[in-house]
Amino acid sequence: MFECESINQLSEIELKILKYHKLMGADYSKLISHRFGIKLCEAMAIHKKLFDLGFLEKVSGSIIDYHTNIKRLKTIKHRNHTYYVLSRKGELCLREYEREFGEIQFDLKYPYKR
């Protein structure tokens, strides 16, 4: 079984970013910073921490095929950022966390909305 104790030590924003990746799939730090209203350096540090803990994986390849677990679909585009996606460990630990403490809720800010 996966080691999930470290998920209990994550901050609220770190848990919300894990949940975001579960719902929305692959994304990059700059967009996360816009959507959560945090500084880019903070989003990059969170992604690095979650990656180092094994909760996220880097997406390989030069093309990103955006798709989500909710009904909104994204597009296929050339990848020019480091994209992260929820790992299997992240998925299992997040599921276990939400069973114990309840579902993680958050509202997103969508950048470039006119």
C-alpha atoms as a PDB file:
ATOM      1  CA  MET A   1       0.000   0.000   0.000  1.00  0.00           C
ATOM      2  CA  PHE A   2       1.094   3.575  -0.624  1.00  0.00           C
ATOM      3  CA  GLU A   3       2.541   5.737   2.124  1.00  0.00           C
ATOM      4  CA  CYS A   4       0.025   8.553   2.599  1.00  0.00           C
ATOM      5  CA  GLU A   5       1.048  10.035   5.949  1.00  0.00           C
ATOM      6  CA  SER A   6       2.732  13.012   4.261  1.00  0.00           C
ATOM      7  CA  ILE A   7      -0.591  14.175   2.776  1.00  0.00           C
ATOM      8  CA  ASN A   8      -1.782  15.053   6.296  1.00  0.00           C
ATOM      9  CA  GLN A   9       1.038  17.601   6.539  1.00  0.00           C
ATOM     10  CA  LEU A  10       0.055  19.517   3.386  1.00  0.00           C
ATOM     11  CA  SER A  11      -1.362  23.030   3.595  1.00  0.00           C
ATOM     12  CA  GLU A  12      -4.890  23.848   2.468  1.00  0.00           C
ATOM     13  CA  ILE A  13      -3.675  25.362  -0.828  1.00  0.00           C
ATOM     14  CA  GLU A  14      -1.494  22.317  -1.547  1.00  0.00           C
ATOM     15  CA  LEU A  15      -4.487  20.015  -1.035  1.00  0.00           C
ATOM     16  CA  LYS A  16      -6.626  22.216  -3.282  1.00  0.00           C
ATOM     17  CA  ILE A  17      -3.985  22.060  -6.025  1.00  0.00           C
ATOM     18  CA  LEU A  18      -3.938  18.255  -5.784  1.00  0.00           C
ATOM     19  CA  LYS A  19      -7.730  18.250  -6.085  1.00  0.00           C
ATOM     20  CA  TYR A  20      -7.470  20.647  -9.047  1.00  0.00           C
ATOM     21  CA  HIS A  21      -5.161  18.228 -10.867  1.00  0.00           C
ATOM     22  CA  LYS A  22      -7.571  15.386 -10.117  1.00  0.00           C
ATOM     23  CA  LEU A  23     -10.476  17.305 -11.670  1.00  0.00           C
ATOM     24  CA  MET A  24      -8.732  19.212 -14.457  1.00  0.00           C
ATOM     25  CA  GLY A  25      -5.793  16.989 -15.398  1.00  0.00           C
ATOM     26  CA  ALA A  26      -2.411  18.310 -16.526  1.00  0.00           C
ATOM     27  CA  ASP A  27      -1.542  21.975 -15.984  1.00  0.00           C
ATOM     28  CA  TYR A  28       1.424  24.240 -15.348  1.00  0.00           C
ATOM     29  CA  SER A  29       2.494  26.534 -12.512  1.00  0.00           C
ATOM     30  CA  LYS A  30       1.736  29.861 -14.213  1.00  0.00           C
ATOM     31  CA  LEU A  31      -1.884  28.932 -14.825  1.00  0.00           C
ATOM     32  CA  ILE A  32      -2.197  27.526 -11.292  1.00  0.00           C
ATOM     33  CA  SER A  33      -0.927  30.850  -9.908  1.00  0.00           C
ATOM     34  CA  HIS A  34      -3.622  32.736 -11.855  1.00  0.00           C
ATOM     35  CA  ARG A  35      -6.411  30.320 -10.985  1.00  0.00           C
ATOM     36  CA  PHE A  36      -5.642  30.256  -7.256  1.00  0.00           C
ATOM     37  CA  GLY A  37      -4.584  33.909  -6.935  1.00  0.00           C
ATOM     38  CA  ILE A  38      -1.094  33.107  -5.650  1.00  0.00           C
ATOM     39  CA  LYS A  39       2.360  34.244  -6.758  1.00  0.00           C
ATOM     40  CA  LEU A  40       4.085  32.304  -9.528  1.00  0.00           C
ATOM     41  CA  CYS A  41       7.042  31.453  -7.272  1.00  0.00           C
ATOM     42  CA  GLU A  42       4.607  29.993  -4.710  1.00  0.00           C
ATOM     43  CA  ALA A  43       2.851  27.878  -7.358  1.00  0.00           C
ATOM     44  CA  MET A  44       6.218  26.618  -8.621  1.00  0.00           C
ATOM     45  CA  ALA A  45       7.330  25.753  -5.065  1.00  0.00           C
ATOM     46  CA  ILE A  46       4.069  23.882  -4.417  1.00  0.00           C
ATOM     47  CA  HIS A  47       4.396  21.912  -7.649  1.00  0.00           C
ATOM     48  CA  LYS A  48       7.996  21.031  -6.770  1.00  0.00           C
ATOM     49  CA  LYS A  49       7.011  19.918  -3.245  1.00  0.00           C
ATOM     50  CA  LEU A  50       4.105  17.796  -4.494  1.00  0.00           C
ATOM     51  CA  PHE A  51       6.358  16.307  -7.196  1.00  0.00           C
ATOM     52  CA  ASP A  52       9.118  15.540  -4.663  1.00  0.00           C
ATOM     53  CA  LEU A  53       6.559  13.831  -2.388  1.00  0.00           C
ATOM     54  CA  GLY A  54       5.400  11.703  -5.330  1.00  0.00           C
ATOM     55  CA  PHE A  55       1.873  13.149  -5.529  1.00  0.00           C
ATOM     56  CA  LEU A  56       2.470  14.685  -8.991  1.00  0.00           C
ATOM     57  CA  GLU A  57       4.298  13.550 -12.124  1.00  0.00           C
ATOM     58  CA  LYS A  58       5.780  15.666 -14.891  1.00  0.00           C
ATOM     59  CA  VAL A  59       4.136  15.219 -18.274  1.00  0.00           C
ATOM     60  CA  SER A  60       6.626  14.060 -20.882  1.00  0.00           C
ATOM     61  CA  GLY A  61       6.600  14.781 -24.605  1.00  0.00           C
ATOM     62  CA  SER A  62       6.301  17.984 -26.600  1.00  0.00           C
ATOM     63  CA  ILE A  63       2.531  17.864 -27.185  1.00  0.00           C
ATOM     64  CA  ILE A  64      -0.035  18.084 -24.396  1.00  0.00           C
ATOM     65  CA  ASP A  65      -3.449  16.477 -24.900  1.00  0.00           C
ATOM     66  CA  TYR A  66      -5.692  18.346 -22.480  1.00  0.00           C
ATOM     67  CA  HIS A  67      -8.634  16.405 -21.109  1.00  0.00           C
ATOM     68  CA  THR A  68     -10.403  16.607 -17.786  1.00  0.00           C
ATOM     69  CA  ASN A  69     -12.464  14.446 -15.458  1.00  0.00           C
ATOM     70  CA  ILE A  70     -15.279  16.957 -15.693  1.00  0.00           C
ATOM     71  CA  LYS A  71     -17.279  17.698 -18.817  1.00  0.00           C
ATOM     72  CA  ARG A  72     -15.175  20.621 -20.080  1.00  0.00           C
ATOM     73  CA  LEU A  73     -12.617  19.528 -22.666  1.00  0.00           C
ATOM     74  CA  LYS A  74      -9.372  21.311 -23.386  1.00  0.00           C
ATOM     75  CA  THR A  75      -7.376  21.405 -26.598  1.00  0.00           C
ATOM     76  CA  ILE A  76      -4.282  19.705 -27.944  1.00  0.00           C
ATOM     77  CA  LYS A  77      -1.324  22.081 -28.119  1.00  0.00           C
ATOM     78  CA  HIS A  78       2.445  22.313 -28.223  1.00  0.00           C
ATOM     79  CA  ARG A  79       3.882  22.164 -24.722  1.00  0.00           C
ATOM     80  CA  ASN A  80       6.053  25.118 -23.738  1.00  0.00           C
ATOM     81  CA  HIS A  81       5.770  24.839 -19.923  1.00  0.00           C
ATOM     82  CA  THR A  82       6.419  22.082 -17.396  1.00  0.00           C
ATOM     83  CA  TYR A  83       3.078  20.360 -16.967  1.00  0.00           C
ATOM     84  CA  TYR A  84       2.169  18.320 -13.905  1.00  0.00           C
ATOM     85  CA  VAL A  85      -0.481  15.648 -13.511  1.00  0.00           C
ATOM     86  CA  LEU A  86      -1.720  13.713 -10.480  1.00  0.00           C
ATOM     87  CA  SER A  87       0.289  10.510  -9.962  1.00  0.00           C
ATOM     88  CA  ARG A  88      -1.227   7.191  -8.953  1.00  0.00           C
ATOM     89  CA  LYS A  89       0.100   7.728  -5.417  1.00  0.00           C
ATOM     90  CA  GLY A  90      -1.447  11.219  -5.403  1.00  0.00           C
ATOM     91  CA  GLU A  91      -4.779   9.863  -6.584  1.00  0.00           C
ATOM     92  CA  LEU A  92      -4.891   7.102  -3.949  1.00  0.00           C
ATOM     93  CA  CYS A  93      -3.741   9.356  -1.094  1.00  0.00           C
ATOM     94  CA  LEU A  94      -6.160  12.139  -2.064  1.00  0.00           C
ATOM     95  CA  ARG A  95      -9.023   9.620  -2.163  1.00  0.00           C
ATOM     96  CA  GLU A  96      -8.037   8.305   1.291  1.00  0.00           C
ATOM     97  CA  TYR A  97      -7.732  11.873   2.657  1.00  0.00           C
ATOM     98  CA  GLU A  98     -11.181  12.853   1.356  1.00  0.00           C
ATOM     99  CA  ARG A  99     -12.765   9.713   2.818  1.00  0.00           C
ATOM    100  CA  GLU A 100     -11.378  10.600   6.226  1.00  0.00           C
ATOM    101  CA  PHE A 101     -11.782  14.405   6.243  1.00  0.00           C
ATOM    102  CA  GLY A 102     -14.435  15.137   3.607  1.00  0.00           C
ATOM    103  CA  GLU A 103     -14.245  16.380   0.046  1.00  0.00           C
ATOM    104  CA  ILE A 104     -11.932  19.310  -0.707  1.00  0.00           C
ATOM    105  CA  GLN A 105     -13.914  22.283  -2.046  1.00  0.00           C
ATOM    106  CA  PHE A 106     -12.621  25.389  -3.812  1.00  0.00           C
ATOM    107  CA  ASP A 107     -13.602  28.111  -6.253  1.00  0.00           C
ATOM    108  CA  LEU A 108     -11.372  28.813  -9.226  1.00  0.00           C
ATOM    109  CA  LYS A 109     -10.418  32.127 -10.754  1.00  0.00           C
ATOM    110  CA  TYR A 110     -10.283  31.891 -14.516  1.00  0.00           C
ATOM    111  CA  PRO A 111      -7.643  34.135 -16.052  1.00  0.00           C
ATOM    112  CA  TYR A 112      -8.141  36.134 -19.201  1.00  0.00           C
ATOM    113  CA  LYS A 113     -11.913  36.286 -18.681  1.00  0.00           C
ATOM    114  CA  ARG A 114     -13.336  39.267 -20.522  1.00  0.00           C
END
